[in-house]
Amino acid sequence: MHPLPRDSRPGANDLNVDLNGDPRLAIFRQTDNGIPMRMAIFATLLKVDDLIEKDLRPVRWFVPSQTGTLDR
């Protein structure tokens, strides 16, 4: 899963920001899912997963209108 932020400088070997509008791009969904996944892994490893409320909520994912640095 992509952790974001990404390095979109030329030659940085990461995805270009031109791909943000592509519906197949999954890095924003992966970022949304990455934090709860890591939390679940840590809770399981620390054996405190029985203390976590178990519920499923829909993810509110959207394509950002702008990413990266602001050119001023």
PDB file of N, CA and C in Angstrom:
ATOM      1  N   MET A   1       0.836  -1.181   0.000  1.00  0.00           N
ATOM      2  CA  MET A   1       0.000   0.000   0.000  1.00  0.00           C
ATOM      3  C   MET A   1       0.878   1.241   0.000  1.00  0.00           C
ATOM      4  N   HIS A   2       0.467   2.199  -0.778  1.00  0.00           N
ATOM      5  CA  HIS A   2       1.240   3.431  -0.882  1.00  0.00           C
ATOM      6  C   HIS A   2       1.000   4.283   0.361  1.00  0.00           C
ATOM      7  N   PRO A   3       2.051   4.745   1.017  1.00  0.00           N
ATOM      8  CA  PRO A   3       1.875   5.499   2.251  1.00  0.00           C
ATOM      9  C   PRO A   3       1.660   6.992   2.069  1.00  0.00           C
ATOM     10  N   LEU A   4       1.935   7.511   0.896  1.00  0.00           N
ATOM     11  CA  LEU A   4       1.945   8.956   0.651  1.00  0.00           C
ATOM     12  C   LEU A   4       2.807   9.650   1.699  1.00  0.00           C
ATOM     13  N   PRO A   5       3.340  10.786   1.553  1.00  0.00           N
ATOM     14  CA  PRO A   5       3.321  11.550   0.317  1.00  0.00           C
ATOM     15  C   PRO A   5       4.224  10.923  -0.727  1.00  0.00           C
ATOM     16  N   ARG A   6       4.035  11.325  -1.935  1.00  0.00           N
ATOM     17  CA  ARG A   6       4.883  10.786  -2.997  1.00  0.00           C
ATOM     18  C   ARG A   6       5.808  11.882  -3.506  1.00  0.00           C
ATOM     19  N   ASP A   7       6.902  11.453  -4.040  1.00  0.00           N
ATOM     20  CA  ASP A   7       7.906  12.364  -4.572  1.00  0.00           C
ATOM     21  C   ASP A   7       7.701  12.453  -6.071  1.00  0.00           C
ATOM     22  N   SER A   8       7.137  13.546  -6.545  1.00  0.00           N
ATOM     23  CA  SER A   8       6.811  13.671  -7.962  1.00  0.00           C
ATOM     24  C   SER A   8       7.840  14.503  -8.728  1.00  0.00           C
ATOM     25  N   ARG A   9       9.025  14.667  -8.153  1.00  0.00           N
ATOM     26  CA  ARG A   9      10.078  15.368  -8.891  1.00  0.00           C
ATOM     27  C   ARG A   9      10.542  14.498 -10.055  1.00  0.00           C
ATOM     28  N   PRO A  10      11.021  15.110 -11.134  1.00  0.00           N
ATOM     29  CA  PRO A  10      11.534  14.314 -12.256  1.00  0.00           C
ATOM     30  C   PRO A  10      12.672  13.398 -11.788  1.00  0.00           C
ATOM     31  N   GLY A  11      12.609  12.148 -12.189  1.00  0.00           N
ATOM     32  CA  GLY A  11      13.644  11.189 -11.831  1.00  0.00           C
ATOM     33  C   GLY A  11      13.506  10.616 -10.432  1.00  0.00           C
ATOM     34  N   ALA A  12      12.408  10.871  -9.757  1.00  0.00           N
ATOM     35  CA  ALA A  12      12.235  10.423  -8.370  1.00  0.00           C
ATOM     36  C   ALA A  12      11.739   8.985  -8.285  1.00  0.00           C
ATOM     37  N   ASN A  13      11.410   8.365  -9.415  1.00  0.00           N
ATOM     38  CA  ASN A  13      10.962   6.977  -9.447  1.00  0.00           C
ATOM     39  C   ASN A  13       9.668   6.766  -8.657  1.00  0.00           C
ATOM     40  N   ASP A  14       8.753   7.724  -8.744  1.00  0.00           N
ATOM     41  CA  ASP A  14       7.438   7.601  -8.123  1.00  0.00           C
ATOM     42  C   ASP A  14       6.402   8.041  -9.151  1.00  0.00           C
ATOM     43  N   LEU A  15       5.144   7.816  -8.875  1.00  0.00           N
ATOM     44  CA  LEU A  15       4.087   8.138  -9.833  1.00  0.00           C
ATOM     45  C   LEU A  15       3.965   9.641 -10.047  1.00  0.00           C
ATOM     46  N   ASN A  16       3.722  10.020 -11.277  1.00  0.00           N
ATOM     47  CA  ASN A  16       3.576  11.414 -11.645  1.00  0.00           C
ATOM     48  C   ASN A  16       2.197  11.923 -11.233  1.00  0.00           C
ATOM     49  N   VAL A  17       2.100  13.202 -10.875  1.00  0.00           N
ATOM     50  CA  VAL A  17       0.820  13.791 -10.489  1.00  0.00           C
ATOM     51  C   VAL A  17      -0.152  13.868 -11.663  1.00  0.00           C
ATOM     52  N   ASP A  18       0.334  13.720 -12.887  1.00  0.00           N
ATOM     53  CA  ASP A  18      -0.558  13.711 -14.054  1.00  0.00           C
ATOM     54  C   ASP A  18      -1.524  12.539 -13.999  1.00  0.00           C
ATOM     55  N   LEU A  19      -1.223  11.516 -13.226  1.00  0.00           N
ATOM     56  CA  LEU A  19      -2.082  10.339 -13.119  1.00  0.00           C
ATOM     57  C   LEU A  19      -3.219  10.509 -12.114  1.00  0.00           C
ATOM     58  N   ASN A  20      -3.286  11.637 -11.408  1.00  0.00           N
ATOM     59  CA  ASN A  20      -4.297  11.824 -10.362  1.00  0.00           C
ATOM     60  C   ASN A  20      -5.725  11.635 -10.846  1.00  0.00           C
ATOM     61  N   GLY A  21      -6.017  12.006 -12.066  1.00  0.00           N
ATOM     62  CA  GLY A  21      -7.370  11.885 -12.584  1.00  0.00           C
ATOM     63  C   GLY A  21      -7.729  10.505 -13.098  1.00  0.00           C
ATOM     64  N   ASP A  22      -6.776   9.611 -13.175  1.00  0.00           N
ATOM     65  CA  ASP A  22      -7.011   8.258 -13.687  1.00  0.00           C
ATOM     66  C   ASP A  22      -7.791   7.446 -12.647  1.00  0.00           C
ATOM     67  N   PRO A  23      -8.981   6.943 -12.992  1.00  0.00           N
ATOM     68  CA  PRO A  23      -9.789   6.200 -12.017  1.00  0.00           C
ATOM     69  C   PRO A  23      -9.137   4.885 -11.575  1.00  0.00           C
ATOM     70  N   ARG A  24      -8.137   4.416 -12.319  1.00  0.00           N
ATOM     71  CA  ARG A  24      -7.450   3.180 -11.928  1.00  0.00           C
ATOM     72  C   ARG A  24      -6.391   3.424 -10.863  1.00  0.00           C
ATOM     73  N   LEU A  25      -6.043   4.675 -10.616  1.00  0.00           N
ATOM     74  CA  LEU A  25      -5.027   5.012  -9.625  1.00  0.00           C
ATOM     75  C   LEU A  25      -5.546   4.669  -8.233  1.00  0.00           C
ATOM     76  N   ALA A  26      -4.807   3.869  -7.514  1.00  0.00           N
ATOM     77  CA  ALA A  26      -5.288   3.359  -6.225  1.00  0.00           C
ATOM     78  C   ALA A  26      -4.563   3.934  -5.021  1.00  0.00           C
ATOM     79  N   ILE A  27      -3.594   4.828  -5.217  1.00  0.00           N
ATOM     80  CA  ILE A  27      -2.786   5.235  -4.069  1.00  0.00           C
ATOM     81  C   ILE A  27      -3.588   6.000  -3.017  1.00  0.00           C
ATOM     82  N   PHE A  28      -4.614   6.746  -3.407  1.00  0.00           N
ATOM     83  CA  PHE A  28      -5.403   7.475  -2.414  1.00  0.00           C
ATOM     84  C   PHE A  28      -6.265   6.511  -1.600  1.00  0.00           C
ATOM     85  N   ARG A  29      -6.846   5.512  -2.269  1.00  0.00           N
ATOM     86  CA  ARG A  29      -7.593   4.485  -1.534  1.00  0.00           C
ATOM     87  C   ARG A  29      -6.657   3.684  -0.641  1.00  0.00           C
ATOM     88  N   GLN A  30      -5.466   3.378  -1.150  1.00  0.00           N
ATOM     89  CA  GLN A  30      -4.496   2.627  -0.361  1.00  0.00           C
ATOM     90  C   GLN A  30      -4.072   3.416   0.867  1.00  0.00           C
ATOM     91  N   THR A  31      -3.915   4.714   0.722  1.00  0.00           N
ATOM     92  CA  THR A  31      -3.548   5.543   1.870  1.00  0.00           C
ATOM     93  C   THR A  31      -4.666   5.547   2.898  1.00  0.00           C
ATOM     94  N   ASP A  32      -5.910   5.673   2.440  1.00  0.00           N
ATOM     95  CA  ASP A  32      -7.052   5.642   3.366  1.00  0.00           C
ATOM     96  C   ASP A  32      -7.113   4.332   4.127  1.00  0.00           C
ATOM     97  N   ASN A  33      -6.796   3.239   3.462  1.00  0.00           N
ATOM     98  CA  ASN A  33      -6.865   1.929   4.105  1.00  0.00           C
ATOM     99  C   ASN A  33      -5.604   1.593   4.884  1.00  0.00           C
ATOM    100  N   GLY A  34      -4.491   2.240   4.585  1.00  0.00           N
ATOM    101  CA  GLY A  34      -3.220   1.890   5.187  1.00  0.00           C
ATOM    102  C   GLY A  34      -3.157   2.122   6.685  1.00  0.00           C
ATOM    103  N   ILE A  35      -3.690   3.241   7.158  1.00  0.00           N
ATOM    104  CA  ILE A  35      -3.622   3.541   8.592  1.00  0.00           C
ATOM    105  C   ILE A  35      -4.419   2.529   9.401  1.00  0.00           C
ATOM    106  N   PRO A  36      -5.691   2.251   9.069  1.00  0.00           N
ATOM    107  CA  PRO A  36      -6.405   1.236   9.854  1.00  0.00           C
ATOM    108  C   PRO A  36      -5.767  -0.152   9.756  1.00  0.00           C
ATOM    109  N   MET A  37      -5.183  -0.468   8.596  1.00  0.00           N
ATOM    110  CA  MET A  37      -4.526  -1.771   8.466  1.00  0.00           C
ATOM    111  C   MET A  37      -3.320  -1.868   9.392  1.00  0.00           C
ATOM    112  N   ARG A  38      -2.504  -0.822   9.415  1.00  0.00           N
ATOM    113  CA  ARG A  38      -1.342  -0.841  10.309  1.00  0.00           C
ATOM    114  C   ARG A  38      -1.777  -0.876  11.775  1.00  0.00           C
ATOM    115  N   MET A  39      -2.837  -0.146  12.099  1.00  0.00           N
ATOM    116  CA  MET A  39      -3.350  -0.171  13.475  1.00  0.00           C
ATOM    117  C   MET A  39      -3.819  -1.578  13.851  1.00  0.00           C
ATOM    118  N   ALA A  40      -4.488  -2.247  12.927  1.00  0.00           N
ATOM    119  CA  ALA A  40      -4.970  -3.606  13.197  1.00  0.00           C
ATOM    120  C   ALA A  40      -3.803  -4.574  13.374  1.00  0.00           C
ATOM    121  N   ILE A  41      -2.772  -4.416  12.569  1.00  0.00           N
ATOM    122  CA  ILE A  41      -1.595  -5.286  12.701  1.00  0.00           C
ATOM    123  C   ILE A  41      -0.924  -5.067  14.050  1.00  0.00           C
ATOM    124  N   PHE A  42      -0.730  -3.799  14.432  1.00  0.00           N
ATOM    125  CA  PHE A  42      -0.115  -3.519  15.737  1.00  0.00           C
ATOM    126  C   PHE A  42      -0.966  -4.048  16.881  1.00  0.00           C
ATOM    127  N   ALA A  43      -2.288  -3.864  16.790  1.00  0.00           N
ATOM    128  CA  ALA A  43      -3.175  -4.352  17.855  1.00  0.00           C
ATOM    129  C   ALA A  43      -3.094  -5.865  17.980  1.00  0.00           C
ATOM    130  N   THR A  44      -3.012  -6.552  16.852  1.00  0.00           N
ATOM    131  CA  THR A  44      -2.896  -8.014  16.888  1.00  0.00           C
ATOM    132  C   THR A  44      -1.560  -8.433  17.484  1.00  0.00           C
ATOM    133  N   LEU A  45      -0.488  -7.782  17.064  1.00  0.00           N
ATOM    134  CA  LEU A  45       0.836  -8.122  17.589  1.00  0.00           C
ATOM    135  C   LEU A  45       0.956  -7.846  19.089  1.00  0.00           C
ATOM    136  N   LEU A  46       0.301  -6.773  19.539  1.00  0.00           N
ATOM    137  CA  LEU A  46       0.351  -6.412  20.956  1.00  0.00           C
ATOM    138  C   LEU A  46      -0.721  -7.124  21.780  1.00  0.00           C
ATOM    139  N   LYS A  47      -1.523  -7.940  21.095  1.00  0.00           N
ATOM    140  CA  LYS A  47      -2.589  -8.722  21.728  1.00  0.00           C
ATOM    141  C   LYS A  47      -3.615  -7.852  22.467  1.00  0.00           C
ATOM    142  N   VAL A  48      -3.972  -6.736  21.847  1.00  0.00           N
ATOM    143  CA  VAL A  48      -5.021  -5.870  22.388  1.00  0.00           C
ATOM    144  C   VAL A  48      -6.176  -5.731  21.395  1.00  0.00           C
ATOM    145  N   ASP A  49      -6.213  -6.620  20.398  1.00  0.00           N
ATOM    146  CA  ASP A  49      -7.243  -6.504  19.361  1.00  0.00           C
ATOM    147  C   ASP A  49      -8.650  -6.748  19.907  1.00  0.00           C
ATOM    148  N   ASP A  50      -8.770  -7.410  21.055  1.00  0.00           N
ATOM    149  CA  ASP A  50     -10.097  -7.627  21.637  1.00  0.00           C
ATOM    150  C   ASP A  50     -10.658  -6.341  22.252  1.00  0.00           C
ATOM    151  N   LEU A  51      -9.836  -5.303  22.404  1.00  0.00           N
ATOM    152  CA  LEU A  51     -10.290  -4.034  22.969  1.00  0.00           C
ATOM    153  C   LEU A  51     -10.806  -3.068  21.904  1.00  0.00           C
ATOM    154  N   ILE A  52     -10.676  -3.446  20.649  1.00  0.00           N
ATOM    155  CA  ILE A  52     -11.065  -2.564  19.549  1.00  0.00           C
ATOM    156  C   ILE A  52     -12.503  -2.837  19.160  1.00  0.00           C
ATOM    157  N   GLU A  53     -13.263  -1.766  19.033  1.00  0.00           N
ATOM    158  CA  GLU A  53     -14.652  -1.904  18.604  1.00  0.00           C
ATOM    159  C   GLU A  53     -14.671  -2.384  17.158  1.00  0.00           C
ATOM    160  N   LYS A  54     -15.440  -3.395  16.910  1.00  0.00           N
ATOM    161  CA  LYS A  54     -15.496  -3.986  15.568  1.00  0.00           C
ATOM    162  C   LYS A  54     -16.693  -3.404  14.809  1.00  0.00           C
ATOM    163  N   ASP A  55     -16.422  -2.544  13.874  1.00  0.00           N
ATOM    164  CA  ASP A  55     -17.482  -2.026  13.012  1.00  0.00           C
ATOM    165  C   ASP A  55     -16.888  -1.701  11.661  1.00  0.00           C
ATOM    166  N   LEU A  56     -17.712  -1.742  10.657  1.00  0.00           N
ATOM    167  CA  LEU A  56     -17.287  -1.416   9.306  1.00  0.00           C
ATOM    168  C   LEU A  56     -18.033  -0.179   8.846  1.00  0.00           C
ATOM    169  N   ARG A  57     -17.284   0.788   8.403  1.00  0.00           N
ATOM    170  CA  ARG A  57     -17.887   2.012   7.891  1.00  0.00           C
ATOM    171  C   ARG A  57     -17.415   2.205   6.459  1.00  0.00           C
ATOM    172  N   PRO A  58     -18.239   2.782   5.609  1.00  0.00           N
ATOM    173  CA  PRO A  58     -17.783   3.044   4.249  1.00  0.00           C
ATOM    174  C   PRO A  58     -16.678   4.102   4.251  1.00  0.00           C
ATOM    175  N   VAL A  59     -15.730   3.934   3.356  1.00  0.00           N
ATOM    176  CA  VAL A  59     -14.638   4.888   3.245  1.00  0.00           C
ATOM    177  C   VAL A  59     -15.079   6.037   2.366  1.00  0.00           C
ATOM    178  N   ARG A  60     -14.835   7.247   2.820  1.00  0.00           N
ATOM    179  CA  ARG A  60     -15.152   8.422   2.019  1.00  0.00           C
ATOM    180  C   ARG A  60     -13.906   8.802   1.229  1.00  0.00           C
ATOM    181  N   TRP A  61     -13.777   8.244   0.019  1.00  0.00           N
ATOM    182  CA  TRP A  61     -12.600   8.475  -0.799  1.00  0.00           C
ATOM    183  C   TRP A  61     -12.953   9.374  -1.962  1.00  0.00           C
ATOM    184  N   PHE A  62     -12.061  10.288  -2.276  1.00  0.00           N
ATOM    185  CA  PHE A  62     -12.288  11.186  -3.389  1.00  0.00           C
ATOM    186  C   PHE A  62     -10.949  11.506  -4.050  1.00  0.00           C
ATOM    187  N   VAL A  63     -11.021  11.946  -5.284  1.00  0.00           N
ATOM    188  CA  VAL A  63      -9.823  12.372  -6.005  1.00  0.00           C
ATOM    189  C   VAL A  63      -9.564  13.823  -5.619  1.00  0.00           C
ATOM    190  N   PRO A  64      -8.391  14.117  -5.051  1.00  0.00           N
ATOM    191  CA  PRO A  64      -8.115  15.506  -4.667  1.00  0.00           C
ATOM    192  C   PRO A  64      -8.015  16.402  -5.890  1.00  0.00           C
ATOM    193  N   SER A  65      -8.421  17.647  -5.724  1.00  0.00           N
ATOM    194  CA  SER A  65      -8.355  18.579  -6.854  1.00  0.00           C
ATOM    195  C   SER A  65      -6.926  19.016  -7.132  1.00  0.00           C
ATOM    196  N   GLN A  66      -6.065  18.959  -6.102  1.00  0.00           N
ATOM    197  CA  GLN A  66      -4.672  19.354  -6.285  1.00  0.00           C
ATOM    198  C   GLN A  66      -3.818  18.625  -5.276  1.00  0.00           C
ATOM    199  N   THR A  67      -2.657  18.181  -5.712  1.00  0.00           N
ATOM    200  CA  THR A  67      -1.681  17.562  -4.804  1.00  0.00           C
ATOM    201  C   THR A  67      -0.310  18.128  -5.105  1.00  0.00           C
ATOM    202  N   GLY A  68       0.610  17.913  -4.221  1.00  0.00           N
ATOM    203  CA  GLY A  68       1.971  18.374  -4.440  1.00  0.00           C
ATOM    204  C   GLY A  68       2.219  19.722  -3.810  1.00  0.00           C
ATOM    205  N   THR A  69       3.314  20.327  -4.193  1.00  0.00           N
ATOM    206  CA  THR A  69       3.682  21.614  -3.630  1.00  0.00           C
ATOM    207  C   THR A  69       3.043  22.741  -4.417  1.00  0.00           C
ATOM    208  N   LEU A  70       2.845  23.857  -3.747  1.00  0.00           N
ATOM    209  CA  LEU A  70       2.296  25.037  -4.407  1.00  0.00           C
ATOM    210  C   LEU A  70       3.440  25.851  -4.975  1.00  0.00           C
ATOM    211  N   ASP A  71       3.339  26.198  -6.235  1.00  0.00           N
ATOM    212  CA  ASP A  71       4.363  27.047  -6.857  1.00  0.00           C
ATOM    213  C   ASP A  71       3.999  28.497  -6.619  1.00  0.00           C
ATOM    214  N   ARG A  72       4.878  29.170  -5.919  1.00  0.00           N
ATOM    215  CA  ARG A  72       4.600  30.591  -5.608  1.00  0.00           C
ATOM    216  C   ARG A  72       5.627  31.457  -6.223  1.00  0.00           C
TER     217      ARG A  72
END
